[in-house]
Amino acid sequence: MKKTDEMDRNIQLRSEQLGYRITLLILGLWTLFNCWQTLWNQAPYQPLPGLIFTFAVCVQSFSQMALKQKMTAGDEEYQAPNTLLWTIIGAVLIAAAGLFLGTALIMRAQSL
């Protein structure tokens, strides 16, 4: 197995970055197109592109926070709070509130 030098790693990192950005752009456009079709053409809603888009952004954000926290763990000068834990707690609370409100609205709409 060949060891990669800094230039090869930089090329691979840039190509992965470009691929990730293009993938997110396509998923975002697919989500917007799906929303447009649902609102104006009464097509059935398909949550798959939005879920994949959300999952990809969350994984990227959480891994970035985790790597940043891991790299500054032994540094005496830089003491940051545990942002990864608080972000995960906040995301779970927002998702729970969204599910609660969505369920309440659907239940109320069905009872009318």
C-alpha atoms as a PDB file:
ATOM      1  CA  MET A   1       0.000   0.000   0.000  1.00  0.00           C
ATOM      2  CA  LYS A   2       1.396   3.352  -1.062  1.00  0.00           C
ATOM      3  CA  LYS A   3       1.701   6.168   1.444  1.00  0.00           C
ATOM      4  CA  THR A   4       0.000   9.351   0.320  1.00  0.00           C
ATOM      5  CA  ASP A   5       1.822  12.620   0.572  1.00  0.00           C
ATOM      6  CA  GLU A   6       0.317  15.979   1.457  1.00  0.00           C
ATOM      7  CA  MET A   7      -0.502  16.897  -2.143  1.00  0.00           C
ATOM      8  CA  ASP A   8      -2.415  13.635  -2.716  1.00  0.00           C
ATOM      9  CA  ARG A   9      -4.351  14.092   0.523  1.00  0.00           C
ATOM     10  CA  ASN A  10      -5.170  17.685  -0.429  1.00  0.00           C
ATOM     11  CA  ILE A  11      -6.417  16.593  -3.861  1.00  0.00           C
ATOM     12  CA  GLN A  12      -8.569  13.857  -2.323  1.00  0.00           C
ATOM     13  CA  LEU A  13      -9.964  16.243   0.303  1.00  0.00           C
ATOM     14  CA  ARG A  14     -10.893  18.824  -2.331  1.00  0.00           C
ATOM     15  CA  SER A  15     -12.559  16.236  -4.545  1.00  0.00           C
ATOM     16  CA  GLU A  16     -14.567  14.883  -1.600  1.00  0.00           C
ATOM     17  CA  GLN A  17     -15.547  18.442  -0.674  1.00  0.00           C
ATOM     18  CA  LEU A  18     -16.752  19.129  -4.217  1.00  0.00           C
ATOM     19  CA  GLY A  19     -18.676  15.849  -4.327  1.00  0.00           C
ATOM     20  CA  TYR A  20     -20.323  16.592  -0.966  1.00  0.00           C
ATOM     21  CA  ARG A  21     -21.362  20.086  -2.067  1.00  0.00           C
ATOM     22  CA  ILE A  22     -22.781  18.863  -5.377  1.00  0.00           C
ATOM     23  CA  THR A  23     -24.689  16.103  -3.566  1.00  0.00           C
ATOM     24  CA  LEU A  24     -26.182  18.604  -1.114  1.00  0.00           C
ATOM     25  CA  LEU A  25     -27.104  20.947  -3.971  1.00  0.00           C
ATOM     26  CA  ILE A  26     -28.888  18.157  -5.845  1.00  0.00           C
ATOM     27  CA  LEU A  27     -30.694  16.981  -2.706  1.00  0.00           C
ATOM     28  CA  GLY A  28     -31.742  20.555  -1.917  1.00  0.00           C
ATOM     29  CA  LEU A  29     -33.097  21.078  -5.433  1.00  0.00           C
ATOM     30  CA  TRP A  30     -34.879  17.712  -5.299  1.00  0.00           C
ATOM     31  CA  THR A  31     -36.475  18.672  -1.976  1.00  0.00           C
ATOM     32  CA  LEU A  32     -37.637  22.050  -3.321  1.00  0.00           C
ATOM     33  CA  PHE A  33     -39.001  20.423  -6.488  1.00  0.00           C
ATOM     34  CA  ASN A  34     -40.852  17.863  -4.388  1.00  0.00           C
ATOM     35  CA  CYS A  35     -42.353  20.631  -2.223  1.00  0.00           C
ATOM     36  CA  TRP A  36     -43.390  22.559  -5.343  1.00  0.00           C
ATOM     37  CA  GLN A  37     -45.023  19.464  -6.821  1.00  0.00           C
ATOM     38  CA  THR A  38     -46.858  18.809  -3.566  1.00  0.00           C
ATOM     39  CA  LEU A  39     -48.158  22.357  -3.154  1.00  0.00           C
ATOM     40  CA  TRP A  40     -49.109  23.232  -6.727  1.00  0.00           C
ATOM     41  CA  ASN A  41     -49.831  19.895  -8.406  1.00  0.00           C
ATOM     42  CA  GLN A  42     -51.261  18.006  -5.406  1.00  0.00           C
ATOM     43  CA  ALA A  43     -48.679  15.238  -5.828  1.00  0.00           C
ATOM     44  CA  PRO A  44     -48.093  12.983  -2.824  1.00  0.00           C
ATOM     45  CA  TYR A  45     -45.382  14.223  -0.492  1.00  0.00           C
ATOM     46  CA  GLN A  46     -42.143  12.237  -0.579  1.00  0.00           C
ATOM     47  CA  PRO A  47     -39.957  12.922   2.461  1.00  0.00           C
ATOM     48  CA  LEU A  48     -36.940  10.873   1.309  1.00  0.00           C
ATOM     49  CA  PRO A  49     -34.838  13.672  -0.291  1.00  0.00           C
ATOM     50  CA  GLY A  50     -35.438  16.002   2.653  1.00  0.00           C
ATOM     51  CA  LEU A  51     -34.543  13.287   5.152  1.00  0.00           C
ATOM     52  CA  ILE A  52     -31.336  12.397   3.305  1.00  0.00           C
ATOM     53  CA  PHE A  53     -30.431  16.098   3.044  1.00  0.00           C
ATOM     54  CA  THR A  54     -31.066  16.658   6.765  1.00  0.00           C
ATOM     55  CA  PHE A  55     -29.163  13.512   7.735  1.00  0.00           C
ATOM     56  CA  ALA A  56     -26.131  14.474   5.618  1.00  0.00           C
ATOM     57  CA  VAL A  57     -25.953  17.992   7.063  1.00  0.00           C
ATOM     58  CA  CYS A  58     -26.375  16.694  10.634  1.00  0.00           C
ATOM     59  CA  VAL A  59     -23.674  14.047  10.223  1.00  0.00           C
ATOM     60  CA  GLN A  60     -21.269  16.614   8.774  1.00  0.00           C
ATOM     61  CA  SER A  61     -21.986  19.151  11.523  1.00  0.00           C
ATOM     62  CA  PHE A  62     -21.800  16.664  14.386  1.00  0.00           C
ATOM     63  CA  SER A  63     -18.603  15.073  13.104  1.00  0.00           C
ATOM     64  CA  GLN A  64     -17.018  18.518  12.685  1.00  0.00           C
ATOM     65  CA  MET A  65     -17.915  19.430  16.272  1.00  0.00           C
ATOM     66  CA  ALA A  66     -16.652  16.083  17.581  1.00  0.00           C
ATOM     67  CA  LEU A  67     -13.342  16.359  15.717  1.00  0.00           C
ATOM     68  CA  LYS A  68     -12.841  19.948  16.868  1.00  0.00           C
ATOM     69  CA  GLN A  69     -13.548  18.967  20.465  1.00  0.00           C
ATOM     70  CA  LYS A  70     -11.208  15.966  20.216  1.00  0.00           C
ATOM     71  CA  MET A  71      -8.376  18.074  18.788  1.00  0.00           C
ATOM     72  CA  THR A  72      -8.622  20.717  21.531  1.00  0.00           C
ATOM     73  CA  ALA A  73      -9.134  18.233  24.389  1.00  0.00           C
ATOM     74  CA  GLY A  74      -5.573  18.404  25.742  1.00  0.00           C
ATOM     75  CA  ASP A  75      -5.025  22.132  25.193  1.00  0.00           C
ATOM     76  CA  GLU A  76      -4.735  24.149  28.408  1.00  0.00           C
ATOM     77  CA  GLU A  77      -5.249  27.507  26.676  1.00  0.00           C
ATOM     78  CA  TYR A  78      -8.472  26.589  24.908  1.00  0.00           C
ATOM     79  CA  GLN A  79     -11.271  25.334  27.143  1.00  0.00           C
ATOM     80  CA  ALA A  80     -14.483  25.125  25.132  1.00  0.00           C
ATOM     81  CA  PRO A  81     -17.812  23.888  26.431  1.00  0.00           C
ATOM     82  CA  ASN A  82     -19.134  20.559  25.219  1.00  0.00           C
ATOM     83  CA  THR A  83     -20.978  21.960  22.202  1.00  0.00           C
ATOM     84  CA  LEU A  84     -21.562  18.538  20.662  1.00  0.00           C
ATOM     85  CA  LEU A  85     -23.573  17.320  23.657  1.00  0.00           C
ATOM     86  CA  TRP A  86     -25.636  20.514  23.881  1.00  0.00           C
ATOM     87  CA  THR A  87     -26.299  20.498  20.143  1.00  0.00           C
ATOM     88  CA  ILE A  88     -27.518  16.892  20.244  1.00  0.00           C
ATOM     89  CA  ILE A  89     -29.742  17.665  23.251  1.00  0.00           C
ATOM     90  CA  GLY A  90     -31.132  20.734  21.473  1.00  0.00           C
ATOM     91  CA  ALA A  91     -31.796  18.774  18.273  1.00  0.00           C
ATOM     92  CA  VAL A  92     -33.632  16.051  20.199  1.00  0.00           C
ATOM     93  CA  LEU A  93     -35.735  18.647  22.035  1.00  0.00           C
ATOM     94  CA  ILE A  94     -36.614  20.473  18.801  1.00  0.00           C
ATOM     95  CA  ALA A  95     -37.526  17.183  17.091  1.00  0.00           C
ATOM     96  CA  ALA A  96     -39.675  16.154  20.068  1.00  0.00           C
ATOM     97  CA  ALA A  97     -41.445  19.528  20.070  1.00  0.00           C
ATOM     98  CA  GLY A  98     -42.036  19.283  16.316  1.00  0.00           C
ATOM     99  CA  LEU A  99     -43.458  15.789  16.647  1.00  0.00           C
ATOM    100  CA  PHE A 100     -45.670  16.861  19.550  1.00  0.00           C
ATOM    101  CA  LEU A 101     -47.025  19.918  17.736  1.00  0.00           C
ATOM    102  CA  GLY A 102     -47.470  18.047  14.453  1.00  0.00           C
ATOM    103  CA  THR A 103     -49.325  15.220  16.147  1.00  0.00           C
ATOM    104  CA  ALA A 104     -51.513  17.662  18.060  1.00  0.00           C
ATOM    105  CA  LEU A 105     -52.383  19.546  14.853  1.00  0.00           C
ATOM    106  CA  ILE A 106     -53.192  16.348  12.973  1.00  0.00           C
ATOM    107  CA  MET A 107     -55.341  15.023  15.827  1.00  0.00           C
ATOM    108  CA  ARG A 108     -57.188  18.314  16.056  1.00  0.00           C
ATOM    109  CA  ALA A 109     -57.735  18.484  12.289  1.00  0.00           C
ATOM    110  CA  GLN A 110     -59.136  14.946  12.270  1.00  0.00           C
ATOM    111  CA  SER A 111     -61.550  15.713  15.106  1.00  0.00           C
ATOM    112  CA  LEU A 112     -63.062  18.677  13.228  1.00  0.00           C
END
